[in-house]
Amino acid sequence: MISTLEDLMAAKAMAAEVRWELGAPSVEIGIMIEVPSAVMMADELAEQVDFFSIGTNDLTQYTLAMDRGHPMLAKQADGLHPAVLRMIERTVQAATTAGKWVGVCGGLAGDPKGAVLLTGLGVTELSMSIPSIAAIKAQLRRLSLEKCKAYAWQALTCRTAAEVRALPMP
């Protein structure tokens, strides 16, 4: 879990050392964006990596300070909360500015509404459980990118997860 630029630089140094010891070729290096500090440093982090993968389950938990394993709090850890969506938007903007791509793994990618929103926010790769793939692909194929973008913009202006959930699908 990368929280700071220092974390990334240390991880890259370790990878380089192991690569040198093995005589292995260079590989692409990406990081998981899972905590708010990584989002806030996304501009600087994007300069040092080849791609981002946003872990929406952890990002939701840490952004909303809700333990998703806690029986009383888990229901409040909603990846469609505008705070989480704004964190994703900020991450994608930083990556796009740096010419990097962004993927998402976690429950939000396999959620029908979430997949449309993520696509509209500029996420280029969605990782989800196998049973979700066919339905999400069918849903995204029937929508234009412009419709997804407009839908995402609407969601970003919402104040609560309930408001986002209440938005009619495009």
N, C-alpha and C. Protein backbone atom coordinates (compact mmCIF):
# COMPACT_ATOMS: atom_id res chain seq x y z
N MET A 1 0.86 -1.18 0.00
CA MET A 1 0.00 0.00 0.00
C MET A 1 0.90 1.23 0.00
N ILE A 2 0.85 1.99 -1.07
CA ILE A 2 1.67 3.20 -1.20
C ILE A 2 0.90 4.38 -0.63
N SER A 3 1.51 5.06 0.35
CA SER A 3 0.89 6.23 0.96
C SER A 3 1.60 7.52 0.60
N THR A 4 2.90 7.40 0.31
CA THR A 4 3.71 8.59 0.10
C THR A 4 4.68 8.37 -1.07
N LEU A 5 5.25 9.45 -1.54
CA LEU A 5 6.27 9.37 -2.58
C LEU A 5 7.48 8.58 -2.06
N GLU A 6 7.79 8.74 -0.78
CA GLU A 6 8.90 8.00 -0.19
C GLU A 6 8.65 6.49 -0.25
N ASP A 7 7.41 6.07 0.02
CA ASP A 7 7.06 4.65 -0.10
C ASP A 7 7.35 4.14 -1.51
N LEU A 8 6.92 4.90 -2.49
CA LEU A 8 7.11 4.50 -3.88
C LEU A 8 8.58 4.42 -4.24
N MET A 9 9.34 5.43 -3.85
CA MET A 9 10.76 5.44 -4.20
C MET A 9 11.48 4.25 -3.55
N ALA A 10 11.12 3.91 -2.33
CA ALA A 10 11.74 2.76 -1.66
C ALA A 10 11.36 1.46 -2.38
N ALA A 11 10.11 1.34 -2.77
CA ALA A 11 9.66 0.13 -3.49
C ALA A 11 10.36 0.02 -4.84
N LYS A 12 10.49 1.13 -5.55
CA LYS A 12 11.17 1.11 -6.84
C LYS A 12 12.65 0.74 -6.68
N ALA A 13 13.27 1.22 -5.62
CA ALA A 13 14.68 0.88 -5.36
C ALA A 13 14.83 -0.62 -5.09
N MET A 14 13.89 -1.18 -4.32
CA MET A 14 13.92 -2.62 -4.05
C MET A 14 13.74 -3.42 -5.34
N ALA A 15 12.80 -3.00 -6.15
CA ALA A 15 12.54 -3.69 -7.42
C ALA A 15 13.77 -3.62 -8.32
N ALA A 16 14.41 -2.47 -8.37
CA ALA A 16 15.60 -2.31 -9.21
C ALA A 16 16.74 -3.20 -8.71
N GLU A 17 16.89 -3.28 -7.41
CA GLU A 17 17.94 -4.12 -6.84
C GLU A 17 17.72 -5.60 -7.17
N VAL A 18 16.49 -6.06 -7.00
CA VAL A 18 16.17 -7.45 -7.31
C VAL A 18 16.35 -7.72 -8.80
N ARG A 19 15.90 -6.79 -9.63
CA ARG A 19 16.06 -6.93 -11.07
C ARG A 19 17.54 -7.03 -11.45
N TRP A 20 18.37 -6.20 -10.83
CA TRP A 20 19.81 -6.21 -11.09
C TRP A 20 20.42 -7.55 -10.66
N GLU A 21 20.02 -8.02 -9.45
CA GLU A 21 20.55 -9.30 -8.93
C GLU A 21 20.19 -10.46 -9.85
N LEU A 22 19.01 -10.43 -10.43
CA LEU A 22 18.55 -11.51 -11.29
C LEU A 22 18.93 -11.31 -12.76
N GLY A 23 19.40 -10.14 -13.09
CA GLY A 23 19.68 -9.84 -14.48
C GLY A 23 18.41 -9.79 -15.31
N ALA A 24 17.33 -9.42 -14.68
CA ALA A 24 16.02 -9.39 -15.34
C ALA A 24 15.82 -8.08 -16.09
N PRO A 25 15.01 -8.11 -17.12
CA PRO A 25 14.74 -6.87 -17.87
C PRO A 25 13.84 -5.94 -17.06
N SER A 26 13.80 -4.72 -17.50
CA SER A 26 12.94 -3.72 -16.87
C SER A 26 11.47 -4.10 -17.06
N VAL A 27 10.65 -3.80 -16.09
CA VAL A 27 9.22 -4.08 -16.17
C VAL A 27 8.45 -2.80 -15.85
N GLU A 28 7.21 -2.76 -16.31
CA GLU A 28 6.37 -1.62 -15.95
C GLU A 28 6.09 -1.66 -14.46
N ILE A 29 6.05 -0.49 -13.86
CA ILE A 29 5.76 -0.39 -12.43
C ILE A 29 4.54 0.49 -12.27
N GLY A 30 3.56 -0.05 -11.59
CA GLY A 30 2.36 0.70 -11.27
C GLY A 30 2.12 0.59 -9.78
N ILE A 31 1.20 1.40 -9.30
CA ILE A 31 0.86 1.33 -7.88
C ILE A 31 -0.64 1.29 -7.68
N MET A 32 -1.01 0.73 -6.56
CA MET A 32 -2.40 0.76 -6.11
C MET A 32 -2.63 2.10 -5.43
N ILE A 33 -3.70 2.74 -5.78
CA ILE A 33 -4.14 3.96 -5.10
C ILE A 33 -5.27 3.52 -4.18
N GLU A 34 -4.97 3.48 -2.88
CA GLU A 34 -5.93 2.94 -1.91
C GLU A 34 -6.16 3.82 -0.70
N VAL A 35 -5.37 4.88 -0.58
CA VAL A 35 -5.51 5.76 0.59
C VAL A 35 -5.56 7.21 0.14
N PRO A 36 -6.23 8.07 0.91
CA PRO A 36 -6.34 9.48 0.52
C PRO A 36 -5.01 10.18 0.30
N SER A 37 -3.98 9.84 1.07
CA SER A 37 -2.69 10.51 0.87
C SER A 37 -2.14 10.23 -0.52
N ALA A 38 -2.33 9.03 -1.05
CA ALA A 38 -1.87 8.71 -2.40
C ALA A 38 -2.65 9.51 -3.43
N VAL A 39 -3.93 9.71 -3.19
CA VAL A 39 -4.73 10.53 -4.11
C VAL A 39 -4.22 11.96 -4.11
N MET A 40 -3.97 12.49 -2.92
CA MET A 40 -3.53 13.87 -2.83
C MET A 40 -2.13 14.08 -3.42
N MET A 41 -1.34 13.01 -3.51
CA MET A 41 0.00 13.06 -4.10
C MET A 41 0.02 12.45 -5.50
N ALA A 42 -1.13 12.24 -6.09
CA ALA A 42 -1.22 11.53 -7.37
C ALA A 42 -0.43 12.22 -8.48
N ASP A 43 -0.35 13.53 -8.49
CA ASP A 43 0.43 14.22 -9.53
C ASP A 43 1.89 13.79 -9.46
N GLU A 44 2.45 13.79 -8.26
CA GLU A 44 3.85 13.42 -8.08
C GLU A 44 4.06 11.92 -8.30
N LEU A 45 3.14 11.12 -7.82
CA LEU A 45 3.25 9.67 -7.98
C LEU A 45 3.16 9.27 -9.45
N ALA A 46 2.30 9.94 -10.20
CA ALA A 46 2.12 9.61 -11.62
C ALA A 46 3.39 9.84 -12.42
N GLU A 47 4.22 10.76 -11.99
CA GLU A 47 5.49 11.02 -12.69
C GLU A 47 6.46 9.85 -12.53
N GLN A 48 6.23 9.00 -11.53
CA GLN A 48 7.19 7.95 -11.19
C GLN A 48 6.75 6.54 -11.58
N VAL A 49 5.53 6.39 -12.12
CA VAL A 49 5.01 5.06 -12.42
C VAL A 49 4.50 4.99 -13.86
N ASP A 50 4.19 3.76 -14.28
CA ASP A 50 3.64 3.55 -15.62
C ASP A 50 2.12 3.55 -15.63
N PHE A 51 1.51 3.26 -14.49
CA PHE A 51 0.05 3.21 -14.41
C PHE A 51 -0.39 3.24 -12.95
N PHE A 52 -1.68 3.51 -12.76
CA PHE A 52 -2.33 3.42 -11.45
C PHE A 52 -3.40 2.34 -11.51
N SER A 53 -3.60 1.68 -10.40
CA SER A 53 -4.76 0.82 -10.22
C SER A 53 -5.42 1.28 -8.92
N ILE A 54 -6.65 1.70 -9.01
CA ILE A 54 -7.36 2.19 -7.83
C ILE A 54 -8.07 1.02 -7.17
N GLY A 55 -7.76 0.78 -5.92
CA GLY A 55 -8.44 -0.25 -5.13
C GLY A 55 -9.63 0.40 -4.44
N THR A 56 -10.81 0.26 -5.05
CA THR A 56 -11.97 1.01 -4.54
C THR A 56 -12.44 0.54 -3.17
N ASN A 57 -12.24 -0.71 -2.84
CA ASN A 57 -12.69 -1.17 -1.52
C ASN A 57 -11.89 -0.47 -0.41
N ASP A 58 -10.56 -0.49 -0.53
CA ASP A 58 -9.74 0.18 0.48
C ASP A 58 -9.90 1.68 0.41
N LEU A 59 -9.92 2.25 -0.80
CA LEU A 59 -10.07 3.70 -0.91
C LEU A 59 -11.36 4.17 -0.25
N THR A 60 -12.43 3.42 -0.43
CA THR A 60 -13.70 3.76 0.21
C THR A 60 -13.56 3.71 1.72
N GLN A 61 -13.01 2.63 2.21
CA GLN A 61 -12.86 2.46 3.66
C GLN A 61 -12.04 3.59 4.28
N TYR A 62 -10.91 3.92 3.67
CA TYR A 62 -10.03 4.93 4.25
C TYR A 62 -10.51 6.35 4.00
N THR A 63 -11.19 6.59 2.89
CA THR A 63 -11.72 7.92 2.63
C THR A 63 -12.85 8.25 3.60
N LEU A 64 -13.73 7.27 3.81
CA LEU A 64 -14.90 7.51 4.67
C LEU A 64 -14.64 7.16 6.14
N ALA A 65 -13.44 6.63 6.44
CA ALA A 65 -13.09 6.21 7.80
C ALA A 65 -14.14 5.25 8.35
N MET A 66 -14.51 4.29 7.51
CA MET A 66 -15.50 3.28 7.87
C MET A 66 -14.89 1.90 7.67
N ASP A 67 -14.79 1.15 8.72
CA ASP A 67 -14.26 -0.21 8.64
C ASP A 67 -15.29 -1.09 7.94
N ARG A 68 -14.97 -1.53 6.73
CA ARG A 68 -15.95 -2.31 5.96
C ARG A 68 -16.19 -3.68 6.55
N GLY A 69 -15.38 -4.09 7.51
CA GLY A 69 -15.60 -5.37 8.18
C GLY A 69 -16.41 -5.24 9.46
N HIS A 70 -16.69 -4.02 9.87
CA HIS A 70 -17.43 -3.78 11.12
C HIS A 70 -18.93 -3.91 10.85
N PRO A 71 -19.63 -4.72 11.64
CA PRO A 71 -21.06 -4.95 11.35
C PRO A 71 -21.94 -3.70 11.38
N MET A 72 -21.58 -2.71 12.17
CA MET A 72 -22.40 -1.50 12.26
C MET A 72 -22.00 -0.46 11.20
N LEU A 73 -20.76 -0.47 10.79
CA LEU A 73 -20.27 0.57 9.89
C LEU A 73 -20.22 0.16 8.43
N ALA A 74 -20.20 -1.14 8.16
CA ALA A 74 -19.99 -1.64 6.79
C ALA A 74 -20.99 -1.06 5.79
N LYS A 75 -22.23 -0.87 6.19
CA LYS A 75 -23.24 -0.35 5.26
C LYS A 75 -22.95 1.09 4.85
N GLN A 76 -22.21 1.81 5.68
CA GLN A 76 -21.89 3.21 5.36
C GLN A 76 -20.68 3.33 4.44
N ALA A 77 -19.91 2.28 4.29
CA ALA A 77 -18.73 2.29 3.42
C ALA A 77 -19.19 2.06 1.99
N ASP A 78 -19.69 3.09 1.36
CA ASP A 78 -20.30 3.01 0.03
C ASP A 78 -19.38 3.64 -1.01
N GLY A 79 -18.91 2.84 -1.94
CA GLY A 79 -18.02 3.32 -2.99
C GLY A 79 -18.65 4.36 -3.90
N LEU A 80 -19.96 4.49 -3.87
CA LEU A 80 -20.63 5.51 -4.68
C LEU A 80 -20.77 6.84 -3.94
N HIS A 81 -20.16 6.95 -2.78
CA HIS A 81 -20.20 8.22 -2.06
C HIS A 81 -19.44 9.26 -2.89
N PRO A 82 -19.98 10.47 -2.98
CA PRO A 82 -19.30 11.50 -3.78
C PRO A 82 -17.85 11.75 -3.37
N ALA A 83 -17.53 11.59 -2.10
CA ALA A 83 -16.13 11.79 -1.67
C ALA A 83 -15.22 10.77 -2.34
N VAL A 84 -15.67 9.54 -2.45
CA VAL A 84 -14.88 8.49 -3.09
C VAL A 84 -14.79 8.76 -4.59
N LEU A 85 -15.90 9.12 -5.20
CA LEU A 85 -15.91 9.41 -6.64
C LEU A 85 -14.99 10.59 -6.96
N ARG A 86 -14.97 11.59 -6.08
CA ARG A 86 -14.08 12.74 -6.30
C ARG A 86 -12.62 12.35 -6.14
N MET A 87 -12.34 11.41 -5.25
CA MET A 87 -10.97 10.89 -5.11
C MET A 87 -10.55 10.18 -6.40
N ILE A 88 -11.46 9.42 -6.94
CA ILE A 88 -11.17 8.71 -8.20
C ILE A 88 -10.95 9.71 -9.32
N GLU A 89 -11.82 10.72 -9.40
CA GLU A 89 -11.67 11.74 -10.45
C GLU A 89 -10.30 12.41 -10.35
N ARG A 90 -9.90 12.78 -9.15
CA ARG A 90 -8.61 13.45 -8.96
C ARG A 90 -7.46 12.55 -9.41
N THR A 91 -7.55 11.27 -9.08
CA THR A 91 -6.51 10.31 -9.45
C THR A 91 -6.43 10.18 -10.97
N VAL A 92 -7.57 10.05 -11.61
CA VAL A 92 -7.60 9.92 -13.08
C VAL A 92 -7.05 11.18 -13.73
N GLN A 93 -7.39 12.35 -13.21
CA GLN A 93 -6.88 13.60 -13.79
C GLN A 93 -5.36 13.65 -13.71
N ALA A 94 -4.80 13.26 -12.56
CA ALA A 94 -3.34 13.27 -12.39
C ALA A 94 -2.69 12.30 -13.37
N ALA A 95 -3.26 11.12 -13.50
CA ALA A 95 -2.70 10.11 -14.41
C ALA A 95 -2.80 10.60 -15.85
N THR A 96 -3.92 11.14 -16.23
CA THR A 96 -4.13 11.61 -17.60
C THR A 96 -3.14 12.72 -17.94
N THR A 97 -2.95 13.64 -17.02
CA THR A 97 -1.99 14.72 -17.23
C THR A 97 -0.58 14.17 -17.48
N ALA A 98 -0.25 13.08 -16.78
CA ALA A 98 1.07 12.47 -16.91
C ALA A 98 1.13 11.45 -18.06
N GLY A 99 0.01 11.26 -18.77
CA GLY A 99 -0.01 10.31 -19.88
C GLY A 99 -0.05 8.86 -19.44
N LYS A 100 -0.61 8.60 -18.28
CA LYS A 100 -0.68 7.24 -17.74
C LYS A 100 -2.13 6.75 -17.74
N TRP A 101 -2.29 5.44 -17.73
CA TRP A 101 -3.63 4.87 -17.71
C TRP A 101 -4.00 4.49 -16.27
N VAL A 102 -5.31 4.33 -16.05
CA VAL A 102 -5.82 3.99 -14.72
C VAL A 102 -6.78 2.82 -14.83
N GLY A 103 -6.56 1.84 -14.00
CA GLY A 103 -7.48 0.72 -13.85
C GLY A 103 -8.14 0.79 -12.49
N VAL A 104 -9.18 0.01 -12.33
CA VAL A 104 -9.85 -0.09 -11.03
C VAL A 104 -10.09 -1.55 -10.73
N CYS A 105 -9.82 -1.91 -9.50
CA CYS A 105 -10.22 -3.22 -9.01
C CYS A 105 -11.04 -2.97 -7.74
N GLY A 106 -11.88 -3.89 -7.43
CA GLY A 106 -12.75 -3.72 -6.26
C GLY A 106 -14.20 -3.80 -6.66
N GLY A 107 -15.05 -3.80 -5.68
CA GLY A 107 -16.47 -3.99 -5.89
C GLY A 107 -17.12 -2.98 -6.82
N LEU A 108 -16.62 -1.77 -6.83
CA LEU A 108 -17.24 -0.72 -7.64
C LEU A 108 -17.16 -1.02 -9.14
N ALA A 109 -16.10 -1.69 -9.57
CA ALA A 109 -15.95 -2.01 -11.00
C ALA A 109 -17.01 -2.98 -11.48
N GLY A 110 -17.46 -3.87 -10.62
CA GLY A 110 -18.47 -4.86 -11.00
C GLY A 110 -19.88 -4.44 -10.70
N ASP A 111 -20.06 -3.25 -10.17
CA ASP A 111 -21.39 -2.69 -9.87
C ASP A 111 -21.87 -1.98 -11.13
N PRO A 112 -23.10 -2.27 -11.60
CA PRO A 112 -23.56 -1.65 -12.85
C PRO A 112 -23.46 -0.12 -12.87
N LYS A 113 -23.90 0.52 -11.82
CA LYS A 113 -23.82 1.98 -11.76
C LYS A 113 -22.36 2.41 -11.63
N GLY A 114 -21.60 1.70 -10.83
CA GLY A 114 -20.20 2.02 -10.62
C GLY A 114 -19.40 1.92 -11.90
N ALA A 115 -19.64 0.90 -12.71
CA ALA A 115 -18.89 0.72 -13.95
C ALA A 115 -19.14 1.87 -14.91
N VAL A 116 -20.37 2.34 -14.98
CA VAL A 116 -20.69 3.48 -15.86
C VAL A 116 -19.99 4.74 -15.34
N LEU A 117 -20.05 4.95 -14.04
CA LEU A 117 -19.41 6.13 -13.46
C LEU A 117 -17.90 6.09 -13.65
N LEU A 118 -17.29 4.94 -13.40
CA LEU A 118 -15.84 4.83 -13.57
C LEU A 118 -15.44 5.09 -15.01
N THR A 119 -16.19 4.56 -15.94
CA THR A 119 -15.90 4.80 -17.36
C THR A 119 -16.02 6.29 -17.67
N GLY A 120 -17.05 6.91 -17.15
CA GLY A 120 -17.24 8.35 -17.36
C GLY A 120 -16.17 9.20 -16.72
N LEU A 121 -15.58 8.70 -15.65
CA LEU A 121 -14.49 9.43 -14.99
C LEU A 121 -13.15 9.26 -15.69
N GLY A 122 -13.10 8.35 -16.67
CA GLY A 122 -11.88 8.17 -17.44
C GLY A 122 -11.06 6.94 -17.10
N VAL A 123 -11.60 6.07 -16.27
CA VAL A 123 -10.91 4.81 -15.96
C VAL A 123 -10.90 3.97 -17.23
N THR A 124 -9.76 3.37 -17.56
CA THR A 124 -9.64 2.64 -18.82
C THR A 124 -9.66 1.13 -18.66
N GLU A 125 -9.58 0.63 -17.45
CA GLU A 125 -9.60 -0.81 -17.24
C GLU A 125 -10.38 -1.12 -15.97
N LEU A 126 -11.32 -2.05 -16.07
CA LEU A 126 -12.12 -2.48 -14.93
C LEU A 126 -11.82 -3.94 -14.63
N SER A 127 -11.47 -4.23 -13.39
CA SER A 127 -11.21 -5.60 -12.97
C SER A 127 -12.34 -6.01 -12.03
N MET A 128 -12.99 -7.13 -12.36
CA MET A 128 -14.16 -7.56 -11.58
C MET A 128 -14.23 -9.07 -11.56
N SER A 129 -15.14 -9.59 -10.76
CA SER A 129 -15.32 -11.04 -10.69
C SER A 129 -15.91 -11.54 -12.00
N ILE A 130 -15.57 -12.75 -12.36
CA ILE A 130 -15.99 -13.33 -13.64
C ILE A 130 -17.50 -13.27 -13.86
N PRO A 131 -18.33 -13.57 -12.86
CA PRO A 131 -19.78 -13.52 -13.11
C PRO A 131 -20.31 -12.13 -13.50
N SER A 132 -19.58 -11.08 -13.18
CA SER A 132 -20.05 -9.71 -13.50
C SER A 132 -19.70 -9.26 -14.91
N ILE A 133 -18.73 -9.90 -15.53
CA ILE A 133 -18.17 -9.39 -16.79
C ILE A 133 -19.21 -9.23 -17.90
N ALA A 134 -19.98 -10.26 -18.17
CA ALA A 134 -20.93 -10.20 -19.31
C ALA A 134 -21.95 -9.07 -19.15
N ALA A 135 -22.51 -8.94 -17.96
CA ALA A 135 -23.53 -7.90 -17.76
C ALA A 135 -22.92 -6.50 -17.86
N ILE A 136 -21.74 -6.31 -17.30
CA ILE A 136 -21.10 -4.99 -17.35
C ILE A 136 -20.70 -4.65 -18.79
N LYS A 137 -20.15 -5.62 -19.51
CA LYS A 137 -19.79 -5.37 -20.91
C LYS A 137 -21.01 -4.99 -21.73
N ALA A 138 -22.11 -5.72 -21.55
CA ALA A 138 -23.33 -5.42 -22.30
C ALA A 138 -23.84 -4.02 -21.97
N GLN A 139 -23.79 -3.67 -20.71
CA GLN A 139 -24.26 -2.35 -20.29
C GLN A 139 -23.40 -1.24 -20.89
N LEU A 140 -22.09 -1.38 -20.82
CA LEU A 140 -21.20 -0.34 -21.34
C LEU A 140 -21.28 -0.23 -22.86
N ARG A 141 -21.50 -1.33 -23.53
CA ARG A 141 -21.58 -1.30 -25.00
C ARG A 141 -22.78 -0.51 -25.50
N ARG A 142 -23.83 -0.43 -24.71
CA ARG A 142 -25.01 0.29 -25.16
C ARG A 142 -24.95 1.79 -24.87
N LEU A 143 -23.90 2.22 -24.18
CA LEU A 143 -23.76 3.64 -23.82
C LEU A 143 -22.59 4.27 -24.56
N SER A 144 -22.75 5.52 -24.92
CA SER A 144 -21.62 6.26 -25.49
C SER A 144 -20.74 6.76 -24.35
N LEU A 145 -19.50 7.04 -24.68
CA LEU A 145 -18.59 7.59 -23.68
C LEU A 145 -19.10 8.94 -23.20
N GLU A 146 -19.69 9.71 -24.08
CA GLU A 146 -20.23 11.02 -23.70
C GLU A 146 -21.35 10.88 -22.66
N LYS A 147 -22.21 9.87 -22.83
CA LYS A 147 -23.27 9.64 -21.84
C LYS A 147 -22.67 9.25 -20.50
N CYS A 148 -21.64 8.42 -20.51
CA CYS A 148 -20.97 8.02 -19.28
C CYS A 148 -20.33 9.22 -18.60
N LYS A 149 -19.72 10.11 -19.38
CA LYS A 149 -19.09 11.31 -18.83
C LYS A 149 -20.13 12.23 -18.20
N ALA A 150 -21.24 12.42 -18.87
CA ALA A 150 -22.30 13.29 -18.35
C ALA A 150 -22.87 12.71 -17.05
N TYR A 151 -23.02 11.40 -17.02
CA TYR A 151 -23.53 10.72 -15.83
C TYR A 151 -22.55 10.89 -14.67
N ALA A 152 -21.27 10.73 -14.96
CA ALA A 152 -20.25 10.89 -13.92
C ALA A 152 -20.25 12.32 -13.39
N TRP A 153 -20.39 13.30 -14.27
CA TRP A 153 -20.42 14.69 -13.83
C TRP A 153 -21.60 14.91 -12.88
N GLN A 154 -22.76 14.34 -13.21
CA GLN A 154 -23.93 14.45 -12.33
C GLN A 154 -23.61 13.87 -10.96
N ALA A 155 -22.98 12.71 -10.94
CA ALA A 155 -22.67 12.04 -9.67
C ALA A 155 -21.70 12.87 -8.84
N LEU A 156 -20.75 13.51 -9.50
CA LEU A 156 -19.78 14.32 -8.76
C LEU A 156 -20.42 15.53 -8.09
N THR A 157 -21.57 15.96 -8.58
CA THR A 157 -22.25 17.10 -7.98
C THR A 157 -23.20 16.70 -6.86
N CYS A 158 -23.37 15.41 -6.65
CA CYS A 158 -24.23 14.94 -5.57
C CYS A 158 -23.58 15.17 -4.22
N ARG A 159 -24.41 15.16 -3.17
CA ARG A 159 -23.90 15.39 -1.82
C ARG A 159 -23.80 14.12 -0.98
N THR A 160 -24.53 13.09 -1.39
CA THR A 160 -24.54 11.85 -0.60
C THR A 160 -24.52 10.64 -1.54
N ALA A 161 -24.18 9.49 -0.97
CA ALA A 161 -24.23 8.24 -1.74
C ALA A 161 -25.66 7.95 -2.16
N ALA A 162 -26.62 8.27 -1.31
CA ALA A 162 -28.02 8.04 -1.65
C ALA A 162 -28.43 8.84 -2.88
N GLU A 163 -27.95 10.08 -2.98
CA GLU A 163 -28.25 10.89 -4.16
C GLU A 163 -27.64 10.27 -5.42
N VAL A 164 -26.41 9.76 -5.31
CA VAL A 164 -25.77 9.12 -6.45
C VAL A 164 -26.59 7.89 -6.85
N ARG A 165 -26.95 7.09 -5.87
CA ARG A 165 -27.72 5.86 -6.15
C ARG A 165 -29.08 6.18 -6.76
N ALA A 166 -29.63 7.34 -6.44
CA ALA A 166 -30.95 7.73 -6.96
C ALA A 166 -30.89 8.24 -8.41
N LEU A 167 -29.69 8.56 -8.90
CA LEU A 167 -29.60 9.03 -10.28
C LEU A 167 -30.07 7.93 -11.24
N PRO A 168 -30.95 8.27 -12.17
CA PRO A 168 -31.37 7.25 -13.14
C PRO A 168 -30.21 6.91 -14.08
N MET A 169 -30.08 5.66 -14.39
CA MET A 169 -29.02 5.22 -15.30
C MET A 169 -29.26 5.83 -16.68
N PRO A 170 -28.18 6.17 -17.38
CA PRO A 170 -28.36 6.77 -18.72
C PRO A 170 -28.87 5.72 -19.70
